[in-house]
Amino acid sequence: MTLYYSSGSCSLAPYIVAHELGLSFTPSLAPKEGVELEHYKEHVNFNGAVPALVTDDGSVLTQNTAIIEYFVGLGEQSGKIGVVYPKLGTKEHAEALRWLCLANADLHPAFKPIFRPQNYTSIESAHDDLRAHAVKNLMNIYTMLDQQYANKHWIANNQYSPADIYIYITMRWAKNLKLD
């Protein structure tokens, strides 16, 4: 298996999960420009995004949650149940998946207007205002997460899960942006 990722990006979540499960995979930095990027778009992920996983049979999986769930299934097949997730099919797994989906669908996208306001408006004078609104939204999400983490180490079932990994990655982004 080859896992395409980008340093510091959300694609570190499945990378970490694969390591935690002891899965054999080849990490590969996704190309960012040139002929290599065009090849990647044509053969791996049409939009050039990460993560992308090329499985041993040559099929391609994209999106963090799908790749993480696939890895957890592989881990369970090799006897690694509960290593980074509660057992598939349990209420505890669903709770952990809920928080992973929140990180993927709500928390991560909240950064997009901060990182690339030009994707939301071509009016440069509006970029600072757009960023300010995005920061406010982001801080509301982090306030809710702080409340969820109160008195426990892990967000779901007080058990380590990919949700904690993904949230940690976004907290690194927030720190780099000097958000309180």
Protein backbone atom coordinates (compact mmCIF):
# COMPACT_ATOMS: atom_id res chain seq x y z
CA MET A 1 0.00 0.00 0.00
CA THR A 2 1.14 3.53 -0.71
CA LEU A 3 -0.19 6.39 1.40
CA TYR A 4 0.20 9.81 -0.17
CA TYR A 5 0.41 12.57 2.40
CA SER A 6 1.71 16.08 2.92
CA SER A 7 3.77 17.11 5.95
CA GLY A 8 1.73 18.94 8.57
CA SER A 9 -1.56 18.36 6.78
CA CYS A 10 -4.67 16.43 7.78
CA SER A 11 -3.21 13.43 5.94
CA LEU A 12 -1.00 12.83 8.98
CA ALA A 13 -4.06 11.32 10.71
CA PRO A 14 -4.19 8.11 8.64
CA TYR A 15 -0.38 8.06 8.57
CA ILE A 16 -0.30 7.99 12.40
CA VAL A 17 -3.14 5.44 12.56
CA ALA A 18 -1.26 3.11 10.18
CA HIS A 19 1.84 3.37 12.39
CA GLU A 20 -0.16 2.79 15.58
CA LEU A 21 -1.63 -0.38 14.03
CA GLY A 22 1.75 -1.56 12.78
CA LEU A 23 0.52 -1.73 9.19
CA SER A 24 3.00 -2.16 6.40
CA PHE A 25 2.74 0.74 3.96
CA THR A 26 4.89 3.00 1.86
CA PRO A 27 4.58 6.67 2.76
CA SER A 28 4.94 9.02 -0.19
CA LEU A 29 4.89 12.80 -0.16
CA ALA A 30 2.27 13.92 -2.67
CA PRO A 31 3.64 16.11 -5.45
CA LYS A 32 2.74 19.80 -5.34
CA GLU A 33 3.57 20.95 -8.86
CA GLY A 34 4.72 20.07 -12.33
CA VAL A 35 4.47 16.85 -14.27
CA GLU A 36 4.44 14.82 -11.04
CA LEU A 37 1.31 16.62 -9.84
CA GLU A 38 -0.43 16.09 -13.18
CA HIS A 39 0.42 12.37 -13.02
CA TYR A 40 -0.88 12.21 -9.44
CA LYS A 41 -4.15 13.91 -10.49
CA GLU A 42 -4.58 11.57 -13.44
CA HIS A 43 -3.76 8.32 -11.64
CA VAL A 44 -4.34 8.84 -7.92
CA ASN A 45 -6.55 11.76 -6.87
CA PHE A 46 -8.18 13.93 -9.51
CA ASN A 47 -8.06 17.09 -7.39
CA GLY A 48 -4.48 16.63 -6.20
CA ALA A 49 -5.51 16.46 -2.55
CA VAL A 50 -4.19 14.26 0.25
CA PRO A 51 -4.53 11.76 1.72
CA ALA A 52 -4.79 9.14 -0.96
CA LEU A 53 -4.15 5.44 -0.49
CA VAL A 54 -3.25 3.12 -3.34
CA THR A 55 -4.04 -0.36 -2.06
CA ASP A 56 -2.16 -3.51 -2.96
CA ASP A 57 -4.71 -4.33 -5.68
CA GLY A 58 -4.21 -0.88 -7.26
CA SER A 59 -7.51 0.65 -6.16
CA VAL A 60 -7.48 4.15 -4.71
CA LEU A 61 -9.12 5.39 -1.53
CA THR A 62 -9.30 9.07 -0.66
CA GLN A 63 -10.61 11.03 2.33
CA ASN A 64 -9.28 10.70 5.86
CA THR A 65 -12.26 8.97 7.41
CA ALA A 66 -12.48 6.32 4.67
CA ILE A 67 -8.76 5.55 4.84
CA ILE A 68 -8.75 5.44 8.64
CA GLU A 69 -11.75 3.07 8.71
CA TYR A 70 -10.02 0.87 6.12
CA PHE A 71 -6.85 0.79 8.23
CA VAL A 72 -8.81 -0.06 11.38
CA GLY A 73 -10.47 -2.94 9.52
CA LEU A 74 -7.05 -4.22 8.43
CA GLY A 75 -5.85 -3.89 12.01
CA GLU A 76 -8.80 -5.87 13.32
CA GLN A 77 -8.17 -8.60 10.72
CA SER A 78 -4.68 -8.98 12.15
CA GLY A 79 -5.91 -9.09 15.75
CA LYS A 80 -5.33 -5.46 16.69
CA ILE A 81 -8.78 -4.72 18.09
CA GLY A 82 -9.13 -1.56 20.14
CA VAL A 83 -5.62 -0.25 19.41
CA VAL A 84 -6.75 3.10 17.99
CA TYR A 85 -10.50 2.62 17.96
CA PRO A 86 -13.10 0.61 19.79
CA LYS A 87 -14.13 -2.54 17.90
CA LEU A 88 -15.94 -1.88 14.62
CA GLY A 89 -19.72 -2.17 14.91
CA THR A 90 -19.95 -1.12 18.57
CA LYS A 91 -21.63 1.92 20.10
CA GLU A 92 -18.20 3.02 21.37
CA HIS A 93 -16.82 2.87 17.83
CA ALA A 94 -19.74 4.95 16.58
CA GLU A 95 -19.04 7.55 19.27
CA ALA A 96 -15.37 7.74 18.27
CA LEU A 97 -16.38 7.94 14.60
CA ARG A 98 -18.76 10.79 15.46
CA TRP A 99 -15.85 12.87 16.79
CA LEU A 100 -13.61 11.93 13.88
CA CYS A 101 -16.32 13.09 11.48
CA LEU A 102 -16.68 16.36 13.40
CA ALA A 103 -12.94 16.96 13.08
CA ASN A 104 -13.06 16.13 9.38
CA ALA A 105 -16.32 17.86 8.41
CA ASP A 106 -16.56 20.82 10.80
CA LEU A 107 -13.21 21.61 12.40
CA HIS A 108 -10.88 21.15 9.42
CA PRO A 109 -13.05 23.14 6.95
CA ALA A 110 -13.26 26.00 9.45
CA PHE A 111 -9.58 26.69 8.65
CA LYS A 112 -10.10 27.00 4.91
CA PRO A 113 -11.12 30.70 4.83
CA ILE A 114 -8.13 31.47 7.06
CA PHE A 115 -5.63 29.63 4.88
CA ARG A 116 -7.12 30.61 1.50
CA PRO A 117 -9.60 33.50 1.65
CA GLN A 118 -9.14 34.02 -2.10
CA ASN A 119 -11.12 30.80 -2.63
CA TYR A 120 -14.16 32.51 -1.08
CA THR A 121 -13.94 36.02 -2.50
CA SER A 122 -11.82 37.75 -5.09
CA ILE A 123 -12.20 41.05 -3.23
CA GLU A 124 -8.86 41.35 -1.45
CA SER A 125 -10.14 44.01 0.92
CA ALA A 126 -12.63 41.44 2.27
CA HIS A 127 -9.99 38.83 3.12
CA ASP A 128 -9.23 40.15 6.62
CA ASP A 129 -12.92 40.30 7.51
CA LEU A 130 -13.45 36.80 6.16
CA ARG A 131 -10.51 35.52 8.21
CA ALA A 132 -11.86 37.23 11.33
CA HIS A 133 -15.25 35.53 10.92
CA ALA A 134 -13.55 32.20 10.30
CA VAL A 135 -11.42 32.59 13.45
CA LYS A 136 -14.56 33.34 15.48
CA ASN A 137 -16.25 30.21 14.12
CA LEU A 138 -13.13 28.16 14.77
CA MET A 139 -12.84 29.39 18.34
CA ASN A 140 -16.48 28.40 18.95
CA ILE A 141 -15.65 24.87 17.81
CA TYR A 142 -12.56 24.75 20.04
CA THR A 143 -14.58 26.02 23.01
CA MET A 144 -17.01 23.14 22.52
CA LEU A 145 -14.10 20.70 22.20
CA ASP A 146 -12.50 22.06 25.38
CA GLN A 147 -15.77 21.35 27.18
CA GLN A 148 -15.82 17.81 25.80
CA TYR A 149 -12.23 17.18 26.88
CA ALA A 150 -12.86 18.54 30.40
CA ASN A 151 -11.86 15.96 33.01
CA LYS A 152 -10.69 13.38 30.49
CA HIS A 153 -7.70 12.73 28.25
CA TRP A 154 -9.52 11.51 25.14
CA ILE A 155 -12.62 12.89 23.41
CA ALA A 156 -14.60 9.68 22.80
CA ASN A 157 -15.27 7.15 25.54
CA ASN A 158 -12.10 8.52 27.23
CA GLN A 159 -10.21 6.18 24.87
CA TYR A 160 -7.51 7.21 22.40
CA SER A 161 -8.90 7.38 18.86
CA PRO A 162 -8.25 8.90 15.43
CA ALA A 163 -10.47 11.81 16.47
CA ASP A 164 -7.84 12.84 19.02
CA ILE A 165 -5.14 12.56 16.36
CA TYR A 166 -7.08 14.74 13.90
CA ILE A 167 -7.97 17.33 16.54
CA TYR A 168 -4.32 17.46 17.59
CA ILE A 169 -3.26 18.14 14.00
CA THR A 170 -5.67 21.08 13.78
CA MET A 171 -4.44 22.38 17.12
CA ARG A 172 -0.94 22.52 15.60
CA TRP A 173 -2.38 24.66 12.79
CA ALA A 174 -4.08 26.93 15.32
CA LYS A 175 -0.82 27.28 17.27
CA ASN A 176 1.08 28.16 14.08
CA LEU A 177 -1.56 30.81 13.35
CA LYS A 178 -1.16 32.08 16.94
CA LEU A 179 -4.86 31.57 17.72
CA ASP A 180 -5.74 31.47 21.41
